[in-house]
């Protein structure tokens, strides 16, 4: 506890992450968008800082999110583009597999609002093959309920 306070301190965590994938503007299915973006050579790179202000809550709550800041880089988007508002969630399965979910809001190079939603599945040794980032692009700044 902090001196002079009855409230326990909350543990926070922050880390940086660089992840890459492909984007497509027409496909709404994650796998189809990845394949179409790869075939067209539309690379995407994310350079992110992820911060959870309350680690215990993030672990205890099934859909608790962490805040994300950073950059979206992709020539097709007119990048590099600053993330204006971002959310991150880590889910751990019973088999130890981890899924990392992202929701990033930014403006593209033509100043149109865009939301990137995506995920990557993390399994096994990351040195063997880094996990692929699967994404979808949504017009406007869209929350999960509006998707």
N, C-alpha and C. Protein backbone atom coordinates (compact mmCIF):
# COMPACT_ATOMS: atom_id res chain seq x y z
N UNK A 1 0.83 -1.18 0.00
CA UNK A 1 0.00 0.00 0.00
C UNK A 1 0.87 1.24 0.00
N UNK A 2 0.34 2.25 -0.63
CA UNK A 2 1.04 3.53 -0.61
C UNK A 2 0.89 4.16 0.75
N UNK A 3 1.89 4.89 1.15
CA UNK A 3 1.85 5.59 2.43
C UNK A 3 0.70 6.59 2.43
N UNK A 4 -0.14 6.51 3.45
CA UNK A 4 -1.24 7.45 3.59
C UNK A 4 -2.45 7.10 2.75
N UNK A 5 -2.50 5.91 2.17
CA UNK A 5 -3.63 5.52 1.34
C UNK A 5 -4.10 4.13 1.73
N UNK A 6 -5.40 3.93 1.69
CA UNK A 6 -5.95 2.61 1.97
C UNK A 6 -6.04 1.75 0.72
N UNK A 7 -5.76 2.34 -0.43
CA UNK A 7 -5.87 1.61 -1.69
C UNK A 7 -4.54 0.91 -2.00
N UNK A 8 -4.59 -0.37 -2.36
CA UNK A 8 -3.36 -1.05 -2.75
C UNK A 8 -2.89 -0.52 -4.11
N UNK A 9 -1.58 -0.55 -4.31
CA UNK A 9 -1.04 -0.13 -5.60
C UNK A 9 -1.40 -1.17 -6.65
N UNK A 10 -1.65 -0.69 -7.85
CA UNK A 10 -1.93 -1.59 -8.97
C UNK A 10 -0.63 -1.79 -9.73
N UNK A 11 -0.38 -3.03 -10.10
CA UNK A 11 0.80 -3.33 -10.90
C UNK A 11 0.47 -3.05 -12.36
N UNK A 12 1.38 -2.36 -13.03
CA UNK A 12 1.19 -2.10 -14.46
C UNK A 12 2.33 -2.73 -15.23
N UNK A 13 2.11 -2.89 -16.53
CA UNK A 13 3.14 -3.45 -17.41
C UNK A 13 3.06 -2.74 -18.74
N UNK A 14 4.21 -2.57 -19.36
CA UNK A 14 4.28 -1.94 -20.67
C UNK A 14 5.37 -2.64 -21.48
N UNK A 15 5.10 -2.89 -22.74
CA UNK A 15 6.10 -3.52 -23.60
C UNK A 15 5.93 -3.02 -25.03
N UNK A 16 6.97 -3.17 -25.81
CA UNK A 16 6.91 -2.78 -27.22
C UNK A 16 6.83 -4.04 -28.07
N UNK A 17 6.24 -3.86 -29.23
CA UNK A 17 6.07 -4.99 -30.14
C UNK A 17 6.14 -4.48 -31.57
N UNK A 18 6.83 -5.22 -32.40
CA UNK A 18 6.83 -4.97 -33.84
C UNK A 18 6.29 -6.22 -34.50
N UNK A 19 5.30 -6.03 -35.36
CA UNK A 19 4.64 -7.16 -35.99
C UNK A 19 4.34 -6.78 -37.44
N UNK A 20 4.31 -7.78 -38.32
CA UNK A 20 4.09 -7.50 -39.74
C UNK A 20 3.07 -8.46 -40.32
N UNK A 21 2.47 -8.02 -41.40
CA UNK A 21 1.49 -8.83 -42.11
C UNK A 21 1.19 -8.19 -43.44
N UNK A 22 -0.01 -8.41 -43.95
CA UNK A 22 -0.45 -7.87 -45.23
C UNK A 22 -1.85 -7.31 -45.06
N UNK A 23 -2.22 -6.37 -45.93
CA UNK A 23 -3.57 -5.80 -45.87
C UNK A 23 -4.25 -5.88 -47.22
N UNK A 24 -5.57 -5.91 -47.15
CA UNK A 24 -6.40 -5.86 -48.34
C UNK A 24 -7.58 -4.95 -48.04
N UNK A 25 -8.05 -4.24 -49.04
CA UNK A 25 -9.12 -3.27 -48.84
C UNK A 25 -10.51 -3.82 -49.13
N UNK A 26 -10.60 -5.00 -49.74
CA UNK A 26 -11.90 -5.53 -50.15
C UNK A 26 -12.36 -6.74 -49.34
N UNK A 27 -11.43 -7.57 -48.92
CA UNK A 27 -11.80 -8.81 -48.23
C UNK A 27 -12.20 -8.54 -46.78
N UNK A 28 -13.24 -9.23 -46.31
CA UNK A 28 -13.67 -9.08 -44.92
C UNK A 28 -13.28 -10.29 -44.07
N UNK A 29 -12.87 -11.37 -44.70
CA UNK A 29 -12.39 -12.55 -43.99
C UNK A 29 -10.89 -12.39 -43.73
N UNK A 30 -10.46 -12.67 -42.51
CA UNK A 30 -9.06 -12.47 -42.14
C UNK A 30 -8.09 -13.23 -43.04
N UNK A 31 -8.34 -14.51 -43.25
CA UNK A 31 -7.43 -15.33 -44.04
C UNK A 31 -7.41 -14.87 -45.50
N UNK A 32 -8.59 -14.58 -46.06
CA UNK A 32 -8.67 -14.11 -47.45
C UNK A 32 -7.97 -12.76 -47.61
N UNK A 33 -8.12 -11.89 -46.62
CA UNK A 33 -7.45 -10.58 -46.67
C UNK A 33 -5.94 -10.74 -46.61
N UNK A 34 -5.46 -11.65 -45.78
CA UNK A 34 -4.02 -11.91 -45.70
C UNK A 34 -3.49 -12.39 -47.05
N UNK A 35 -4.17 -13.39 -47.63
CA UNK A 35 -3.71 -13.96 -48.91
C UNK A 35 -3.77 -12.93 -50.04
N UNK A 36 -4.85 -12.13 -50.10
CA UNK A 36 -4.97 -11.12 -51.16
C UNK A 36 -3.91 -10.03 -50.99
N UNK A 37 -3.68 -9.60 -49.76
CA UNK A 37 -2.65 -8.59 -49.52
C UNK A 37 -1.26 -9.11 -49.84
N UNK A 38 -1.00 -10.37 -49.49
CA UNK A 38 0.30 -10.98 -49.80
C UNK A 38 0.51 -11.08 -51.31
N UNK A 39 -0.52 -11.52 -52.03
CA UNK A 39 -0.42 -11.65 -53.49
C UNK A 39 -0.18 -10.30 -54.16
N UNK A 40 -0.77 -9.25 -53.60
CA UNK A 40 -0.61 -7.91 -54.16
C UNK A 40 0.64 -7.19 -53.64
N UNK A 41 1.33 -7.79 -52.67
CA UNK A 41 2.52 -7.17 -52.11
C UNK A 41 2.23 -5.96 -51.22
N UNK A 42 1.04 -5.93 -50.60
CA UNK A 42 0.68 -4.80 -49.72
C UNK A 42 1.07 -5.14 -48.28
N UNK A 43 2.32 -4.85 -47.97
CA UNK A 43 2.86 -5.14 -46.64
C UNK A 43 2.33 -4.15 -45.61
N UNK A 44 2.29 -4.61 -44.38
CA UNK A 44 1.85 -3.81 -43.24
C UNK A 44 2.81 -4.10 -42.09
N UNK A 45 3.23 -3.05 -41.40
CA UNK A 45 4.06 -3.22 -40.21
C UNK A 45 3.49 -2.36 -39.09
N UNK A 46 3.44 -2.93 -37.90
CA UNK A 46 2.98 -2.21 -36.73
C UNK A 46 4.14 -2.07 -35.76
N UNK A 47 4.32 -0.89 -35.25
CA UNK A 47 5.31 -0.62 -34.22
C UNK A 47 4.52 -0.07 -33.03
N UNK A 48 4.35 -0.90 -31.99
CA UNK A 48 3.39 -0.59 -30.94
C UNK A 48 4.02 -0.60 -29.55
N UNK A 49 3.43 0.19 -28.67
CA UNK A 49 3.72 0.15 -27.23
C UNK A 49 2.39 -0.19 -26.55
N UNK A 50 2.38 -1.29 -25.82
CA UNK A 50 1.17 -1.80 -25.19
C UNK A 50 1.32 -1.63 -23.67
N UNK A 51 0.30 -1.02 -23.06
CA UNK A 51 0.35 -0.71 -21.63
C UNK A 51 -0.93 -1.18 -20.94
N UNK A 52 -0.76 -2.02 -19.92
CA UNK A 52 -1.88 -2.43 -19.06
C UNK A 52 -1.67 -1.76 -17.72
N UNK A 53 -2.58 -0.89 -17.33
CA UNK A 53 -2.45 -0.14 -16.08
C UNK A 53 -2.76 -0.98 -14.85
N UNK A 54 -3.51 -2.06 -15.03
CA UNK A 54 -3.87 -2.92 -13.91
C UNK A 54 -3.75 -4.37 -14.36
N UNK A 55 -2.58 -4.95 -14.13
CA UNK A 55 -2.29 -6.31 -14.60
C UNK A 55 -3.25 -7.33 -14.00
N UNK A 56 -3.53 -7.22 -12.70
CA UNK A 56 -4.44 -8.19 -12.06
C UNK A 56 -5.80 -8.19 -12.72
N UNK A 57 -6.35 -7.00 -13.01
CA UNK A 57 -7.66 -6.91 -13.67
C UNK A 57 -7.58 -7.48 -15.08
N UNK A 58 -6.49 -7.18 -15.78
CA UNK A 58 -6.34 -7.68 -17.15
C UNK A 58 -6.33 -9.19 -17.20
N UNK A 59 -5.75 -9.82 -16.20
CA UNK A 59 -5.71 -11.28 -16.15
C UNK A 59 -7.06 -11.84 -15.72
N UNK A 60 -7.69 -11.21 -14.74
CA UNK A 60 -8.93 -11.73 -14.16
C UNK A 60 -10.12 -11.57 -15.09
N UNK A 61 -10.19 -10.47 -15.82
CA UNK A 61 -11.33 -10.20 -16.69
C UNK A 61 -11.08 -10.78 -18.07
N UNK A 62 -12.04 -11.53 -18.53
CA UNK A 62 -11.87 -12.23 -19.81
C UNK A 62 -11.60 -11.27 -20.97
N UNK A 63 -12.25 -10.12 -21.02
CA UNK A 63 -12.07 -9.21 -22.15
C UNK A 63 -11.44 -7.88 -21.75
N UNK A 64 -10.68 -7.84 -20.66
CA UNK A 64 -10.00 -6.61 -20.28
C UNK A 64 -8.98 -6.26 -21.37
N UNK A 65 -8.82 -4.98 -21.61
CA UNK A 65 -7.92 -4.55 -22.67
C UNK A 65 -6.79 -3.70 -22.11
N UNK A 66 -5.74 -3.61 -22.89
CA UNK A 66 -4.62 -2.72 -22.61
C UNK A 66 -4.64 -1.63 -23.67
N UNK A 67 -4.03 -0.50 -23.35
CA UNK A 67 -3.96 0.62 -24.29
C UNK A 67 -2.79 0.44 -25.24
N UNK A 68 -2.95 0.97 -26.45
CA UNK A 68 -1.92 0.84 -27.47
C UNK A 68 -1.62 2.21 -28.07
N UNK A 69 -0.34 2.52 -28.19
CA UNK A 69 0.11 3.68 -28.94
C UNK A 69 1.13 3.18 -29.95
N UNK A 70 1.46 3.99 -30.93
CA UNK A 70 2.48 3.58 -31.89
C UNK A 70 2.15 4.01 -33.30
N UNK A 71 2.63 3.19 -34.24
CA UNK A 71 2.56 3.54 -35.66
C UNK A 71 2.09 2.36 -36.50
N UNK A 72 1.34 2.69 -37.54
CA UNK A 72 0.95 1.75 -38.58
C UNK A 72 1.74 2.16 -39.82
N UNK A 73 2.46 1.22 -40.41
CA UNK A 73 3.25 1.54 -41.59
C UNK A 73 2.82 0.64 -42.75
N UNK A 74 2.44 1.29 -43.83
CA UNK A 74 2.06 0.56 -45.02
C UNK A 74 1.92 1.54 -46.17
N UNK A 75 2.67 1.30 -47.25
CA UNK A 75 2.62 2.22 -48.39
C UNK A 75 1.20 2.39 -48.92
N UNK A 76 0.42 1.31 -48.93
CA UNK A 76 -0.95 1.37 -49.46
C UNK A 76 -1.86 2.26 -48.61
N UNK A 77 -1.48 2.50 -47.37
CA UNK A 77 -2.27 3.35 -46.47
C UNK A 77 -1.76 4.79 -46.45
N UNK A 78 -0.59 5.03 -47.05
CA UNK A 78 0.00 6.36 -47.00
C UNK A 78 0.79 6.57 -45.72
N UNK A 79 1.29 5.49 -45.13
CA UNK A 79 1.97 5.52 -43.83
C UNK A 79 3.36 6.08 -43.90
N UNK A 80 4.01 6.30 -42.76
CA UNK A 80 3.63 5.87 -41.42
C UNK A 80 2.52 6.74 -40.83
N UNK A 81 1.65 6.09 -40.09
CA UNK A 81 0.46 6.75 -39.53
C UNK A 81 0.39 6.48 -38.03
N UNK A 82 0.15 7.53 -37.28
CA UNK A 82 0.12 7.40 -35.82
C UNK A 82 -1.20 6.79 -35.35
N UNK A 83 -1.10 5.82 -34.45
CA UNK A 83 -2.29 5.24 -33.83
C UNK A 83 -2.88 6.29 -32.90
N UNK A 84 -4.13 6.65 -33.15
CA UNK A 84 -4.80 7.66 -32.33
C UNK A 84 -5.44 7.05 -31.09
N UNK A 85 -5.95 5.86 -31.24
CA UNK A 85 -6.53 5.12 -30.12
C UNK A 85 -6.38 3.64 -30.44
N UNK A 86 -5.87 2.89 -29.49
CA UNK A 86 -5.67 1.47 -29.74
C UNK A 86 -5.97 0.63 -28.53
N UNK A 87 -6.39 -0.60 -28.79
CA UNK A 87 -6.70 -1.57 -27.74
C UNK A 87 -6.02 -2.89 -28.06
N UNK A 88 -5.64 -3.59 -27.03
CA UNK A 88 -4.96 -4.88 -27.14
C UNK A 88 -5.57 -5.82 -26.11
N UNK A 89 -5.70 -7.09 -26.49
CA UNK A 89 -6.17 -8.11 -25.54
C UNK A 89 -5.38 -9.39 -25.79
N UNK A 90 -4.94 -10.00 -24.71
CA UNK A 90 -4.26 -11.29 -24.79
C UNK A 90 -5.15 -12.34 -24.16
N UNK A 91 -5.45 -13.38 -24.91
CA UNK A 91 -6.22 -14.52 -24.40
C UNK A 91 -5.31 -15.74 -24.39
N UNK A 92 -5.33 -16.47 -23.30
CA UNK A 92 -4.51 -17.68 -23.17
C UNK A 92 -5.45 -18.88 -23.08
N UNK A 93 -5.26 -19.82 -23.99
CA UNK A 93 -6.09 -21.02 -24.02
C UNK A 93 -5.63 -22.06 -23.02
N UNK A 94 -6.44 -23.05 -22.81
CA UNK A 94 -6.10 -24.13 -21.86
C UNK A 94 -4.85 -24.89 -22.30
N UNK A 95 -4.60 -24.92 -23.61
CA UNK A 95 -3.43 -25.62 -24.12
C UNK A 95 -2.18 -24.74 -24.12
N UNK A 96 -2.30 -23.52 -23.58
CA UNK A 96 -1.16 -22.60 -23.52
C UNK A 96 -1.04 -21.71 -24.73
N UNK A 97 -1.84 -21.96 -25.76
CA UNK A 97 -1.81 -21.11 -26.95
C UNK A 97 -2.29 -19.71 -26.57
N UNK A 98 -1.69 -18.72 -27.19
CA UNK A 98 -2.06 -17.34 -26.91
C UNK A 98 -2.55 -16.68 -28.19
N UNK A 99 -3.60 -15.88 -28.04
CA UNK A 99 -4.11 -15.09 -29.15
C UNK A 99 -4.03 -13.63 -28.74
N UNK A 100 -3.41 -12.83 -29.59
CA UNK A 100 -3.25 -11.41 -29.34
C UNK A 100 -4.17 -10.66 -30.30
N UNK A 101 -5.12 -9.91 -29.74
CA UNK A 101 -6.10 -9.16 -30.53
C UNK A 101 -5.76 -7.67 -30.49
N UNK A 102 -5.94 -7.02 -31.63
CA UNK A 102 -5.63 -5.59 -31.78
C UNK A 102 -6.83 -4.86 -32.38
N UNK A 103 -7.06 -3.63 -31.96
CA UNK A 103 -8.01 -2.71 -32.58
C UNK A 103 -7.32 -1.35 -32.56
N UNK A 104 -6.97 -0.86 -33.75
CA UNK A 104 -6.21 0.38 -33.88
C UNK A 104 -6.98 1.38 -34.73
N UNK A 105 -7.15 2.58 -34.20
CA UNK A 105 -7.84 3.65 -34.93
C UNK A 105 -6.81 4.70 -35.33
N UNK A 106 -6.88 5.11 -36.60
CA UNK A 106 -5.95 6.10 -37.12
C UNK A 106 -6.59 6.76 -38.34
N UNK A 107 -5.91 7.72 -38.93
CA UNK A 107 -6.34 8.33 -40.18
C UNK A 107 -5.33 7.94 -41.26
N UNK A 108 -5.82 7.57 -42.44
CA UNK A 108 -4.91 7.17 -43.51
C UNK A 108 -4.25 8.42 -44.12
N UNK A 109 -3.44 8.21 -45.16
CA UNK A 109 -2.71 9.30 -45.79
C UNK A 109 -3.60 10.35 -46.43
N UNK A 110 -4.87 10.01 -46.71
CA UNK A 110 -5.83 10.96 -47.27
C UNK A 110 -6.73 11.54 -46.17
N UNK A 111 -6.35 11.33 -44.90
CA UNK A 111 -7.04 11.85 -43.72
C UNK A 111 -8.43 11.24 -43.49
N UNK A 112 -8.65 10.01 -44.00
CA UNK A 112 -9.90 9.29 -43.74
C UNK A 112 -9.73 8.44 -42.48
N UNK A 113 -10.75 8.41 -41.60
CA UNK A 113 -10.63 7.56 -40.42
C UNK A 113 -10.70 6.07 -40.80
N UNK A 114 -9.82 5.29 -40.19
CA UNK A 114 -9.71 3.86 -40.47
C UNK A 114 -9.55 3.12 -39.14
N UNK A 115 -10.14 1.95 -39.06
CA UNK A 115 -9.91 1.05 -37.93
C UNK A 115 -9.30 -0.24 -38.47
N UNK A 116 -8.19 -0.62 -37.90
CA UNK A 116 -7.56 -1.90 -38.22
C UNK A 116 -7.88 -2.85 -37.08
N UNK A 117 -8.50 -3.97 -37.38
CA UNK A 117 -8.72 -5.02 -36.40
C UNK A 117 -7.90 -6.22 -36.84
N UNK A 118 -7.27 -6.84 -35.90
CA UNK A 118 -6.44 -7.96 -36.27
C UNK A 118 -6.08 -8.84 -35.10
N UNK A 119 -5.40 -9.94 -35.41
CA UNK A 119 -4.97 -10.88 -34.37
C UNK A 119 -3.78 -11.66 -34.87
N UNK A 120 -3.09 -12.24 -33.93
CA UNK A 120 -2.09 -13.25 -34.24
C UNK A 120 -2.17 -14.33 -33.19
N UNK A 121 -1.98 -15.56 -33.63
CA UNK A 121 -1.95 -16.71 -32.73
C UNK A 121 -0.50 -17.04 -32.46
N UNK A 122 -0.16 -17.18 -31.19
CA UNK A 122 1.21 -17.47 -30.79
C UNK A 122 1.24 -18.88 -30.23
N UNK A 123 1.98 -19.74 -30.90
CA UNK A 123 2.10 -21.13 -30.47
C UNK A 123 3.56 -21.54 -30.56
N UNK A 124 4.02 -22.28 -29.60
CA UNK A 124 5.37 -22.85 -29.67
C UNK A 124 6.47 -21.83 -29.62
N UNK A 125 7.59 -22.17 -30.24
CA UNK A 125 8.81 -21.38 -30.21
C UNK A 125 8.74 -20.28 -31.28
N UNK A 126 8.83 -19.03 -30.86
CA UNK A 126 8.74 -17.91 -31.80
C UNK A 126 9.93 -17.85 -32.75
N UNK A 127 11.04 -18.47 -32.39
CA UNK A 127 12.21 -18.43 -33.27
C UNK A 127 12.03 -19.31 -34.49
N UNK A 128 11.17 -20.33 -34.41
CA UNK A 128 10.93 -21.20 -35.55
C UNK A 128 10.26 -20.42 -36.68
N UNK A 129 9.18 -19.75 -36.36
CA UNK A 129 8.45 -18.95 -37.35
C UNK A 129 7.63 -17.92 -36.59
N UNK A 130 7.92 -16.63 -36.78
CA UNK A 130 7.12 -15.62 -36.09
C UNK A 130 5.66 -15.73 -36.51
N UNK A 131 4.75 -15.49 -35.58
CA UNK A 131 3.32 -15.60 -35.93
C UNK A 131 2.91 -14.52 -36.92
N UNK A 132 2.02 -14.90 -37.83
CA UNK A 132 1.51 -13.96 -38.82
C UNK A 132 0.42 -13.09 -38.21
N UNK A 133 0.36 -11.85 -38.66
CA UNK A 133 -0.68 -10.93 -38.25
C UNK A 133 -1.78 -10.96 -39.30
N UNK A 134 -3.00 -11.25 -38.87
CA UNK A 134 -4.16 -11.27 -39.76
C UNK A 134 -4.99 -10.03 -39.46
N UNK A 135 -5.34 -9.28 -40.50
CA UNK A 135 -6.02 -8.00 -40.28
C UNK A 135 -7.22 -7.82 -41.20
N UNK A 136 -8.07 -6.90 -40.77
CA UNK A 136 -9.17 -6.38 -41.59
C UNK A 136 -9.15 -4.87 -41.42
N UNK A 137 -9.50 -4.15 -42.48
CA UNK A 137 -9.60 -2.70 -42.42
C UNK A 137 -11.06 -2.30 -42.48
N UNK A 138 -11.46 -1.40 -41.60
CA UNK A 138 -12.83 -0.92 -41.54
C UNK A 138 -12.84 0.58 -41.77
N UNK A 139 -13.77 1.06 -42.60
CA UNK A 139 -13.91 2.49 -42.82
C UNK A 139 -14.46 3.14 -41.56
N UNK A 140 -13.86 4.20 -41.13
CA UNK A 140 -14.31 4.92 -39.93
C UNK A 140 -13.63 4.39 -38.69
N UNK A 141 -13.90 5.05 -37.58
CA UNK A 141 -13.42 4.60 -36.28
C UNK A 141 -14.53 3.76 -35.67
N UNK A 142 -14.33 2.45 -35.65
CA UNK A 142 -15.38 1.49 -35.34
C UNK A 142 -15.02 0.73 -34.06
N UNK A 143 -15.98 0.63 -33.13
CA UNK A 143 -15.76 -0.20 -31.96
C UNK A 143 -16.29 -1.61 -32.25
N UNK A 144 -16.02 -2.53 -31.34
CA UNK A 144 -16.39 -3.93 -31.58
C UNK A 144 -17.89 -4.09 -31.76
N UNK A 145 -18.69 -3.33 -31.04
CA UNK A 145 -20.14 -3.44 -31.16
C UNK A 145 -20.63 -2.96 -32.53
N UNK A 146 -19.94 -2.00 -33.13
CA UNK A 146 -20.34 -1.45 -34.43
C UNK A 146 -19.81 -2.22 -35.61
N UNK A 147 -19.03 -3.22 -35.35
CA UNK A 147 -18.41 -4.00 -36.43
C UNK A 147 -19.48 -4.82 -37.06
